[in-house]
Amino acid sequence: MTRYQTIASLFKTTASLLALTATAIAFQTSPGLAFSSEAQQMCSGDAMRLCSSEIPDIPRIRACMVQKKAQVSPGCRAVMDREAAAATASRKREAAAQ
């Protein structure tokens, strides 16, 4: 491997790790869709594949994943549906309590 190839490989690896970290943070801190560790595990690959151009903008990653929900893997879609339903139920309980 040439010096250039080594540097390019190191750059790609670093960029991938950074993008994966940003995606994990996005799922963890999203107020509208607070994703669990299960969602991070099931959806990180989809986020990288479908929304990597939005990293590190957390709201844009979230919006992108929702917009491209039909293209995500079945496991990620199931987690997104389950967590969105839980968030909706929580909002309804809060509204009813007021």
PDB file of N, CA and C in Angstrom:
ATOM      1  N   MET A   1       0.839  -1.165   0.000  1.00  0.00           N
ATOM      2  CA  MET A   1       0.000   0.000   0.000  1.00  0.00           C
ATOM      3  C   MET A   1       0.893   1.240   0.000  1.00  0.00           C
ATOM      4  N   THR A   2       0.577   2.165  -0.867  1.00  0.00           N
ATOM      5  CA  THR A   2       1.372   3.390  -0.939  1.00  0.00           C
ATOM      6  C   THR A   2       1.019   4.315   0.217  1.00  0.00           C
ATOM      7  N   ARG A   3       1.842   5.309   0.397  1.00  0.00           N
ATOM      8  CA  ARG A   3       1.598   6.280   1.468  1.00  0.00           C
ATOM      9  C   ARG A   3       0.248   6.982   1.244  1.00  0.00           C
ATOM     10  N   TYR A   4      -0.045   7.317  -0.004  1.00  0.00           N
ATOM     11  CA  TYR A   4      -1.305   7.974  -0.331  1.00  0.00           C
ATOM     12  C   TYR A   4      -2.494   7.078   0.024  1.00  0.00           C
ATOM     13  N   GLN A   5      -2.407   5.795  -0.322  1.00  0.00           N
ATOM     14  CA  GLN A   5      -3.488   4.863  -0.028  1.00  0.00           C
ATOM     15  C   GLN A   5      -3.676   4.705   1.485  1.00  0.00           C
ATOM     16  N   THR A   6      -2.594   4.692   2.217  1.00  0.00           N
ATOM     17  CA  THR A   6      -2.666   4.583   3.673  1.00  0.00           C
ATOM     18  C   THR A   6      -3.355   5.795   4.271  1.00  0.00           C
ATOM     19  N   ILE A   7      -2.980   6.974   3.808  1.00  0.00           N
ATOM     20  CA  ILE A   7      -3.591   8.210   4.302  1.00  0.00           C
ATOM     21  C   ILE A   7      -5.071   8.251   3.927  1.00  0.00           C
ATOM     22  N   ALA A   8      -5.391   7.869   2.702  1.00  0.00           N
ATOM     23  CA  ALA A   8      -6.780   7.863   2.252  1.00  0.00           C
ATOM     24  C   ALA A   8      -7.614   6.879   3.075  1.00  0.00           C
ATOM     25  N   SER A   9      -7.051   5.717   3.353  1.00  0.00           N
ATOM     26  CA  SER A   9      -7.746   4.712   4.155  1.00  0.00           C
ATOM     27  C   SER A   9      -7.970   5.211   5.577  1.00  0.00           C
ATOM     28  N   LEU A  10      -6.975   5.839   6.148  1.00  0.00           N
ATOM     29  CA  LEU A  10      -7.093   6.393   7.490  1.00  0.00           C
ATOM     30  C   LEU A  10      -8.158   7.493   7.521  1.00  0.00           C
ATOM     31  N   PHE A  11      -8.163   8.327   6.497  1.00  0.00           N
ATOM     32  CA  PHE A  11      -9.157   9.399   6.411  1.00  0.00           C
ATOM     33  C   PHE A  11     -10.569   8.825   6.317  1.00  0.00           C
ATOM     34  N   LYS A  12     -10.761   7.806   5.489  1.00  0.00           N
ATOM     35  CA  LYS A  12     -12.078   7.185   5.335  1.00  0.00           C
ATOM     36  C   LYS A  12     -12.542   6.562   6.649  1.00  0.00           C
ATOM     37  N   THR A  13     -11.643   5.887   7.328  1.00  0.00           N
ATOM     38  CA  THR A  13     -11.986   5.258   8.599  1.00  0.00           C
ATOM     39  C   THR A  13     -12.377   6.306   9.631  1.00  0.00           C
ATOM     40  N   THR A  14     -11.596   7.375   9.709  1.00  0.00           N
ATOM     41  CA  THR A  14     -11.887   8.449  10.654  1.00  0.00           C
ATOM     42  C   THR A  14     -13.214   9.112  10.324  1.00  0.00           C
ATOM     43  N   ALA A  15     -13.454   9.379   9.055  1.00  0.00           N
ATOM     44  CA  ALA A  15     -14.706  10.007   8.634  1.00  0.00           C
ATOM     45  C   ALA A  15     -15.902   9.107   8.951  1.00  0.00           C
ATOM     46  N   SER A  16     -15.748   7.805   8.734  1.00  0.00           N
ATOM     47  CA  SER A  16     -16.835   6.867   9.030  1.00  0.00           C
ATOM     48  C   SER A  16     -17.138   6.828  10.519  1.00  0.00           C
ATOM     49  N   LEU A  17     -16.102   6.788  11.337  1.00  0.00           N
ATOM     50  CA  LEU A  17     -16.303   6.769  12.780  1.00  0.00           C
ATOM     51  C   LEU A  17     -16.967   8.054  13.261  1.00  0.00           C
ATOM     52  N   LEU A  18     -16.553   9.163  12.703  1.00  0.00           N
ATOM     53  CA  LEU A  18     -17.142  10.454  13.062  1.00  0.00           C
ATOM     54  C   LEU A  18     -18.613  10.493  12.675  1.00  0.00           C
ATOM     55  N   ALA A  19     -18.919  10.020  11.486  1.00  0.00           N
ATOM     56  CA  ALA A  19     -20.300  10.014  11.008  1.00  0.00           C
ATOM     57  C   ALA A  19     -21.162   9.087  11.867  1.00  0.00           C
ATOM     58  N   LEU A  20     -20.634   7.925  12.216  1.00  0.00           N
ATOM     59  CA  LEU A  20     -21.371   6.984  13.051  1.00  0.00           C
ATOM     60  C   LEU A  20     -21.624   7.584  14.431  1.00  0.00           C
ATOM     61  N   THR A  21     -20.629   8.259  14.981  1.00  0.00           N
ATOM     62  CA  THR A  21     -20.788   8.913  16.282  1.00  0.00           C
ATOM     63  C   THR A  21     -21.853  10.001  16.206  1.00  0.00           C
ATOM     64  N   ALA A  22     -21.797  10.800  15.163  1.00  0.00           N
ATOM     65  CA  ALA A  22     -22.799  11.869  15.000  1.00  0.00           C
ATOM     66  C   ALA A  22     -24.200  11.285  14.873  1.00  0.00           C
ATOM     67  N   THR A  23     -24.319  10.175  14.168  1.00  0.00           N
ATOM     68  CA  THR A  23     -25.613   9.528  14.005  1.00  0.00           C
ATOM     69  C   THR A  23     -26.127   9.018  15.343  1.00  0.00           C
ATOM     70  N   ALA A  24     -25.247   8.393  16.101  1.00  0.00           N
ATOM     71  CA  ALA A  24     -25.638   7.890  17.419  1.00  0.00           C
ATOM     72  C   ALA A  24     -26.083   9.039  18.323  1.00  0.00           C
ATOM     73  N   ILE A  25     -25.355  10.131  18.285  1.00  0.00           N
ATOM     74  CA  ILE A  25     -25.719  11.305  19.086  1.00  0.00           C
ATOM     75  C   ILE A  25     -27.061  11.855  18.625  1.00  0.00           C
ATOM     76  N   ALA A  26     -27.258  11.876  17.322  1.00  0.00           N
ATOM     77  CA  ALA A  26     -28.530  12.385  16.789  1.00  0.00           C
ATOM     78  C   ALA A  26     -29.701  11.559  17.291  1.00  0.00           C
ATOM     79  N   PHE A  27     -29.562  10.247  17.265  1.00  0.00           N
ATOM     80  CA  PHE A  27     -30.645   9.392  17.731  1.00  0.00           C
ATOM     81  C   PHE A  27     -30.840   9.513  19.235  1.00  0.00           C
ATOM     82  N   GLN A  28     -29.766   9.753  19.942  1.00  0.00           N
ATOM     83  CA  GLN A  28     -29.836   9.807  21.392  1.00  0.00           C
ATOM     84  C   GLN A  28     -30.425  11.113  21.891  1.00  0.00           C
ATOM     85  N   THR A  29     -30.183  12.212  21.179  1.00  0.00           N
ATOM     86  CA  THR A  29     -30.584  13.517  21.687  1.00  0.00           C
ATOM     87  C   THR A  29     -31.753  14.145  20.944  1.00  0.00           C
ATOM     88  N   SER A  30     -32.343  13.455  20.024  1.00  0.00           N
ATOM     89  CA  SER A  30     -33.452  14.017  19.256  1.00  0.00           C
ATOM     90  C   SER A  30     -34.676  14.205  20.137  1.00  0.00           C
ATOM     91  N   PRO A  31     -35.106  15.449  20.336  1.00  0.00           N
ATOM     92  CA  PRO A  31     -36.269  15.658  21.193  1.00  0.00           C
ATOM     93  C   PRO A  31     -37.561  15.140  20.573  1.00  0.00           C
ATOM     94  N   GLY A  32     -37.703  15.244  19.264  1.00  0.00           N
ATOM     95  CA  GLY A  32     -38.926  14.801  18.602  1.00  0.00           C
ATOM     96  C   GLY A  32     -39.031  13.297  18.504  1.00  0.00           C
ATOM     97  N   LEU A  33     -37.939  12.650  18.328  1.00  0.00           N
ATOM     98  CA  LEU A  33     -37.895  11.196  18.246  1.00  0.00           C
ATOM     99  C   LEU A  33     -36.728  10.722  19.096  1.00  0.00           C
ATOM    100  N   ALA A  34     -36.958  10.521  20.355  1.00  0.00           N
ATOM    101  CA  ALA A  34     -35.887  10.120  21.259  1.00  0.00           C
ATOM    102  C   ALA A  34     -35.649   8.626  21.078  1.00  0.00           C
ATOM    103  N   PHE A  35     -34.695   8.281  20.285  1.00  0.00           N
ATOM    104  CA  PHE A  35     -34.429   6.895  19.962  1.00  0.00           C
ATOM    105  C   PHE A  35     -33.672   6.193  21.079  1.00  0.00           C
ATOM    106  N   SER A  36     -34.018   4.959  21.311  1.00  0.00           N
ATOM    107  CA  SER A  36     -33.382   4.133  22.320  1.00  0.00           C
ATOM    108  C   SER A  36     -32.078   3.548  21.784  1.00  0.00           C
ATOM    109  N   SER A  37     -31.389   2.843  22.653  1.00  0.00           N
ATOM    110  CA  SER A  37     -30.165   2.173  22.205  1.00  0.00           C
ATOM    111  C   SER A  37     -30.497   1.110  21.155  1.00  0.00           C
ATOM    112  N   GLU A  38     -31.682   0.512  21.255  1.00  0.00           N
ATOM    113  CA  GLU A  38     -32.109  -0.454  20.234  1.00  0.00           C
ATOM    114  C   GLU A  38     -32.249   0.234  18.878  1.00  0.00           C
ATOM    115  N   ALA A  39     -32.826   1.435  18.879  1.00  0.00           N
ATOM    116  CA  ALA A  39     -32.982   2.181  17.633  1.00  0.00           C
ATOM    117  C   ALA A  39     -31.620   2.550  17.062  1.00  0.00           C
ATOM    118  N   GLN A  40     -30.710   2.940  17.926  1.00  0.00           N
ATOM    119  CA  GLN A  40     -29.361   3.270  17.457  1.00  0.00           C
ATOM    120  C   GLN A  40     -28.740   2.063  16.772  1.00  0.00           C
ATOM    121  N   GLN A  41     -28.888   0.909  17.410  1.00  0.00           N
ATOM    122  CA  GLN A  41     -28.303  -0.311  16.856  1.00  0.00           C
ATOM    123  C   GLN A  41     -28.977  -0.700  15.541  1.00  0.00           C
ATOM    124  N   MET A  42     -30.308  -0.604  15.496  1.00  0.00           N
ATOM    125  CA  MET A  42     -31.048  -1.042  14.319  1.00  0.00           C
ATOM    126  C   MET A  42     -30.996  -0.033  13.166  1.00  0.00           C
ATOM    127  N   CYS A  43     -30.804   1.264  13.476  1.00  0.00           N
ATOM    128  CA  CYS A  43     -30.955   2.300  12.461  1.00  0.00           C
ATOM    129  C   CYS A  43     -29.671   3.011  12.044  1.00  0.00           C
ATOM    130  N   SER A  44     -28.581   2.812  12.750  1.00  0.00           N
ATOM    131  CA  SER A  44     -27.349   3.540  12.412  1.00  0.00           C
ATOM    132  C   SER A  44     -26.905   3.276  10.979  1.00  0.00           C
ATOM    133  N   GLY A  45     -26.973   2.033  10.550  1.00  0.00           N
ATOM    134  CA  GLY A  45     -26.583   1.696   9.179  1.00  0.00           C
ATOM    135  C   GLY A  45     -27.468   2.389   8.158  1.00  0.00           C
ATOM    136  N   ASP A  46     -28.769   2.415   8.441  1.00  0.00           N
ATOM    137  CA  ASP A  46     -29.706   3.100   7.540  1.00  0.00           C
ATOM    138  C   ASP A  46     -29.427   4.599   7.500  1.00  0.00           C
ATOM    139  N   ALA A  47     -29.151   5.172   8.656  1.00  0.00           N
ATOM    140  CA  ALA A  47     -28.855   6.609   8.700  1.00  0.00           C
ATOM    141  C   ALA A  47     -27.600   6.922   7.897  1.00  0.00           C
ATOM    142  N   MET A  48     -26.597   6.078   8.024  1.00  0.00           N
ATOM    143  CA  MET A  48     -25.364   6.285   7.261  1.00  0.00           C
ATOM    144  C   MET A  48     -25.634   6.148   5.761  1.00  0.00           C
ATOM    145  N   ARG A  49     -26.428   5.151   5.394  1.00  0.00           N
ATOM    146  CA  ARG A  49     -26.694   4.882   3.985  1.00  0.00           C
ATOM    147  C   ARG A  49     -27.603   5.931   3.363  1.00  0.00           C
ATOM    148  N   LEU A  50     -28.633   6.333   4.094  1.00  0.00           N
ATOM    149  CA  LEU A  50     -29.648   7.204   3.509  1.00  0.00           C
ATOM    150  C   LEU A  50     -29.454   8.687   3.797  1.00  0.00           C
ATOM    151  N   CYS A  51     -28.805   9.015   4.907  1.00  0.00           N
ATOM    152  CA  CYS A  51     -28.781  10.410   5.359  1.00  0.00           C
ATOM    153  C   CYS A  51     -27.380  10.911   5.707  1.00  0.00           C
ATOM    154  N   SER A  52     -26.353  10.280   5.197  1.00  0.00           N
ATOM    155  CA  SER A  52     -24.985  10.677   5.562  1.00  0.00           C
ATOM    156  C   SER A  52     -24.673  12.117   5.156  1.00  0.00           C
ATOM    157  N   SER A  53     -25.355  12.611   4.136  1.00  0.00           N
ATOM    158  CA  SER A  53     -25.094  13.992   3.704  1.00  0.00           C
ATOM    159  C   SER A  53     -25.607  15.012   4.717  1.00  0.00           C
ATOM    160  N   GLU A  54     -26.457  14.583   5.634  1.00  0.00           N
ATOM    161  CA  GLU A  54     -27.027  15.488   6.631  1.00  0.00           C
ATOM    162  C   GLU A  54     -26.183  15.584   7.910  1.00  0.00           C
ATOM    163  N   ILE A  55     -25.232  14.688   8.069  1.00  0.00           N
ATOM    164  CA  ILE A  55     -24.386  14.678   9.264  1.00  0.00           C
ATOM    165  C   ILE A  55     -23.472  15.880   9.226  1.00  0.00           C
ATOM    166  N   PRO A  56     -23.318  16.628  10.290  1.00  0.00           N
ATOM    167  CA  PRO A  56     -23.706  16.389  11.689  1.00  0.00           C
ATOM    168  C   PRO A  56     -24.942  17.152  12.138  1.00  0.00           C
ATOM    169  N   ASP A  57     -25.785  17.618  11.241  1.00  0.00           N
ATOM    170  CA  ASP A  57     -26.967  18.415  11.583  1.00  0.00           C
ATOM    171  C   ASP A  57     -28.077  17.497  12.111  1.00  0.00           C
ATOM    172  N   ILE A  58     -28.224  17.435  13.417  1.00  0.00           N
ATOM    173  CA  ILE A  58     -29.130  16.489  14.063  1.00  0.00           C
ATOM    174  C   ILE A  58     -30.578  16.638  13.594  1.00  0.00           C
ATOM    175  N   PRO A  59     -31.140  17.838  13.568  1.00  0.00           N
ATOM    176  CA  PRO A  59     -32.526  17.947  13.084  1.00  0.00           C
ATOM    177  C   PRO A  59     -32.688  17.474  11.632  1.00  0.00           C
ATOM    178  N   ARG A  60     -31.690  17.729  10.811  1.00  0.00           N
ATOM    179  CA  ARG A  60     -31.775  17.290   9.404  1.00  0.00           C
ATOM    180  C   ARG A  60     -31.645  15.775   9.287  1.00  0.00           C
ATOM    181  N   ILE A  61     -30.819  15.159  10.131  1.00  0.00           N
ATOM    182  CA  ILE A  61     -30.722  13.688  10.122  1.00  0.00           C
ATOM    183  C   ILE A  61     -32.076  13.099  10.497  1.00  0.00           C
ATOM    184  N   ARG A  62     -32.668  13.631  11.561  1.00  0.00           N
ATOM    185  CA  ARG A  62     -33.966  13.145  12.027  1.00  0.00           C
ATOM    186  C   ARG A  62     -35.012  13.295  10.919  1.00  0.00           C
ATOM    187  N   ALA A  63     -35.067  14.470  10.311  1.00  0.00           N
ATOM    188  CA  ALA A  63     -36.035  14.719   9.237  1.00  0.00           C
ATOM    189  C   ALA A  63     -35.797  13.791   8.047  1.00  0.00           C
ATOM    190  N   CYS A  64     -34.545  13.576   7.727  1.00  0.00           N
ATOM    191  CA  CYS A  64     -34.192  12.691   6.612  1.00  0.00           C
ATOM    192  C   CYS A  64     -34.655  11.261   6.872  1.00  0.00           C
ATOM    193  N   MET A  65     -34.422  10.771   8.087  1.00  0.00           N
ATOM    194  CA  MET A  65     -34.828   9.404   8.413  1.00  0.00           C
ATOM    195  C   MET A  65     -36.347   9.259   8.352  1.00  0.00           C
ATOM    196  N   VAL A  66     -37.064  10.258   8.822  1.00  0.00           N
ATOM    197  CA  VAL A  66     -38.527  10.210   8.766  1.00  0.00           C
ATOM    198  C   VAL A  66     -38.990  10.266   7.310  1.00  0.00           C
ATOM    199  N   GLN A  67     -38.374  11.148   6.529  1.00  0.00           N
ATOM    200  CA  GLN A  67     -38.739  11.297   5.117  1.00  0.00           C
ATOM    201  C   GLN A  67     -38.470  10.020   4.325  1.00  0.00           C
ATOM    202  N   LYS A  68     -37.395   9.331   4.653  1.00  0.00           N
ATOM    203  CA  LYS A  68     -37.003   8.123   3.909  1.00  0.00           C
ATOM    204  C   LYS A  68     -37.373   6.841   4.642  1.00  0.00           C
ATOM    205  N   LYS A  69     -38.350   6.933   5.502  1.00  0.00           N
ATOM    206  CA  LYS A  69     -38.749   5.785   6.322  1.00  0.00           C
ATOM    207  C   LYS A  69     -39.084   4.561   5.473  1.00  0.00           C
ATOM    208  N   ALA A  70     -39.660   4.762   4.317  1.00  0.00           N
ATOM    209  CA  ALA A  70     -40.019   3.636   3.446  1.00  0.00           C
ATOM    210  C   ALA A  70     -38.791   2.876   2.953  1.00  0.00           C
ATOM    211  N   GLN A  71     -37.622   3.518   2.997  1.00  0.00           N
ATOM    212  CA  GLN A  71     -36.393   2.898   2.491  1.00  0.00           C
ATOM    213  C   GLN A  71     -35.544   2.255   3.592  1.00  0.00           C
ATOM    214  N   VAL A  72     -35.924   2.448   4.855  1.00  0.00           N
ATOM    215  CA  VAL A  72     -35.108   1.895   5.934  1.00  0.00           C
ATOM    216  C   VAL A  72     -35.362   0.404   6.066  1.00  0.00           C
ATOM    217  N   SER A  73     -34.461  -0.270   6.747  1.00  0.00           N
ATOM    218  CA  SER A  73     -34.584  -1.714   6.943  1.00  0.00           C
ATOM    219  C   SER A  73     -35.820  -2.025   7.790  1.00  0.00           C
ATOM    220  N   PRO A  74     -36.349  -3.239   7.659  1.00  0.00           N
ATOM    221  CA  PRO A  74     -37.544  -3.598   8.436  1.00  0.00           C
ATOM    222  C   PRO A  74     -37.339  -3.450   9.950  1.00  0.00           C
ATOM    223  N   GLY A  75     -36.179  -3.815  10.445  1.00  0.00           N
ATOM    224  CA  GLY A  75     -35.913  -3.697  11.879  1.00  0.00           C
ATOM    225  C   GLY A  75     -35.930  -2.256  12.344  1.00  0.00           C
ATOM    226  N   CYS A  76     -35.319  -1.379  11.573  1.00  0.00           N
ATOM    227  CA  CYS A  76     -35.298   0.048  11.910  1.00  0.00           C
ATOM    228  C   CYS A  76     -36.707   0.620  11.835  1.00  0.00           C
ATOM    229  N   ARG A  77     -37.439   0.261  10.807  1.00  0.00           N
ATOM    230  CA  ARG A  77     -38.807   0.767  10.650  1.00  0.00           C
ATOM    231  C   ARG A  77     -39.677   0.336  11.828  1.00  0.00           C
ATOM    232  N   ALA A  78     -39.518  -0.909  12.274  1.00  0.00           N
ATOM    233  CA  ALA A  78     -40.307  -1.399  13.406  1.00  0.00           C
ATOM    234  C   ALA A  78     -39.993  -0.605  14.668  1.00  0.00           C
ATOM    235  N   VAL A  79     -38.724  -0.336  14.898  1.00  0.00           N
ATOM    236  CA  VAL A  79     -38.328   0.437  16.076  1.00  0.00           C
ATOM    237  C   VAL A  79     -38.847   1.866  15.966  1.00  0.00           C
ATOM    238  N   MET A  80     -38.722   2.473  14.786  1.00  0.00           N
ATOM    239  CA  MET A  80     -39.218   3.837  14.588  1.00  0.00           C
ATOM    240  C   MET A  80     -40.724   3.899  14.849  1.00  0.00           C
ATOM    241  N   ASP A  81     -41.466   2.920  14.325  1.00  0.00           N
ATOM    242  CA  ASP A  81     -42.919   2.895  14.522  1.00  0.00           C
ATOM    243  C   ASP A  81     -43.269   2.746  15.997  1.00  0.00           C
ATOM    244  N   ARG A  82     -42.591   1.818  16.660  1.00  0.00           N
ATOM    245  CA  ARG A  82     -42.863   1.560  18.070  1.00  0.00           C
ATOM    246  C   ARG A  82     -42.571   2.795  18.920  1.00  0.00           C
ATOM    247  N   GLU A  83     -41.434   3.441  18.666  1.00  0.00           N
ATOM    248  CA  GLU A  83     -41.057   4.601  19.471  1.00  0.00           C
ATOM    249  C   GLU A  83     -41.899   5.830  19.131  1.00  0.00           C
ATOM    250  N   ALA A  84     -42.314   5.968  17.890  1.00  0.00           N
ATOM    251  CA  ALA A  84     -43.197   7.079  17.522  1.00  0.00           C
ATOM    252  C   ALA A  84     -44.564   6.898  18.188  1.00  0.00           C
ATOM    253  N   ALA A  85     -45.064   5.662  18.233  1.00  0.00           N
ATOM    254  CA  ALA A  85     -46.343   5.388  18.887  1.00  0.00           C
ATOM    255  C   ALA A  85     -46.253   5.686  20.386  1.00  0.00           C
ATOM    256  N   ALA A  86     -45.145   5.320  21.003  1.00  0.00           N
ATOM    257  CA  ALA A  86     -44.957   5.595  22.433  1.00  0.00           C
ATOM    258  C   ALA A  86     -44.905   7.104  22.692  1.00  0.00           C
ATOM    259  N   ALA A  87     -44.230   7.844  21.817  1.00  0.00           N
ATOM    260  CA  ALA A  87     -44.141   9.302  21.970  1.00  0.00           C
ATOM    261  C   ALA A  87     -45.514   9.944  21.795  1.00  0.00           C
ATOM    262  N   THR A  88     -46.296   9.462  20.840  1.00  0.00           N
ATOM    263  CA  THR A  88     -47.648   9.985  20.614  1.00  0.00           C
ATOM    264  C   THR A  88     -48.534   9.713  21.832  1.00  0.00           C
ATOM    265  N   ALA A  89     -48.452   8.508  22.363  1.00  0.00           N
ATOM    266  CA  ALA A  89     -49.245   8.159  23.542  1.00  0.00           C
ATOM    267  C   ALA A  89     -48.850   9.032  24.732  1.00  0.00           C
ATOM    268  N   SER A  90     -47.570   9.301  24.871  1.00  0.00           N
ATOM    269  CA  SER A  90     -47.086  10.142  25.964  1.00  0.00           C
ATOM    270  C   SER A  90     -47.628  11.571  25.833  1.00  0.00           C
ATOM    271  N   ARG A  91     -47.595  12.094  24.605  1.00  0.00           N
ATOM    272  CA  ARG A  91     -48.122  13.452  24.377  1.00  0.00           C
ATOM    273  C   ARG A  91     -49.624  13.514  24.676  1.00  0.00           C
ATOM    274  N   LYS A  92     -50.354  12.461  24.302  1.00  0.00           N
ATOM    275  CA  LYS A  92     -51.795  12.426  24.567  1.00  0.00           C
ATOM    276  C   LYS A  92     -52.064  12.391  26.070  1.00  0.00           C
ATOM    277  N   ARG A  93     -51.280  11.606  26.809  1.00  0.00           N
ATOM    278  CA  ARG A  93     -51.452  11.547  28.272  1.00  0.00           C
ATOM    279  C   ARG A  93     -51.171  12.911  28.896  1.00  0.00           C
ATOM    280  N   GLU A  94     -50.112  13.580  28.417  1.00  0.00           N
ATOM    281  CA  GLU A  94     -49.778  14.900  28.943  1.00  0.00           C
ATOM    282  C   GLU A  94     -50.889  15.915  28.644  1.00  0.00           C
ATOM    283  N   ALA A  95     -51.436  15.856  27.446  1.00  0.00           N
ATOM    284  CA  ALA A  95     -52.502  16.778  27.057  1.00  0.00           C
ATOM    285  C   ALA A  95     -53.764  16.511  27.884  1.00  0.00           C
ATOM    286  N   ALA A  96     -54.059  15.257  28.147  1.00  0.00           N
ATOM    287  CA  ALA A  96     -55.241  14.893  28.918  1.00  0.00           C
ATOM    288  C   ALA A  96     -55.091  15.312  30.382  1.00  0.00           C
ATOM    289  N   ALA A  97     -53.871  15.323  30.875  1.00  0.00           N
ATOM    290  CA  ALA A  97     -53.627  15.669  32.267  1.00  0.00           C
ATOM    291  C   ALA A  97     -53.748  17.172  32.511  1.00  0.00           C
ATOM    292  N   GLN A  98     -53.699  17.948  31.467  1.00  0.00           N
ATOM    293  CA  GLN A  98     -53.757  19.424  31.635  1.00  0.00           C
ATOM    294  C   GLN A  98     -55.146  19.924  31.669  1.00  0.00           C
TER     295      GLN A  98
END
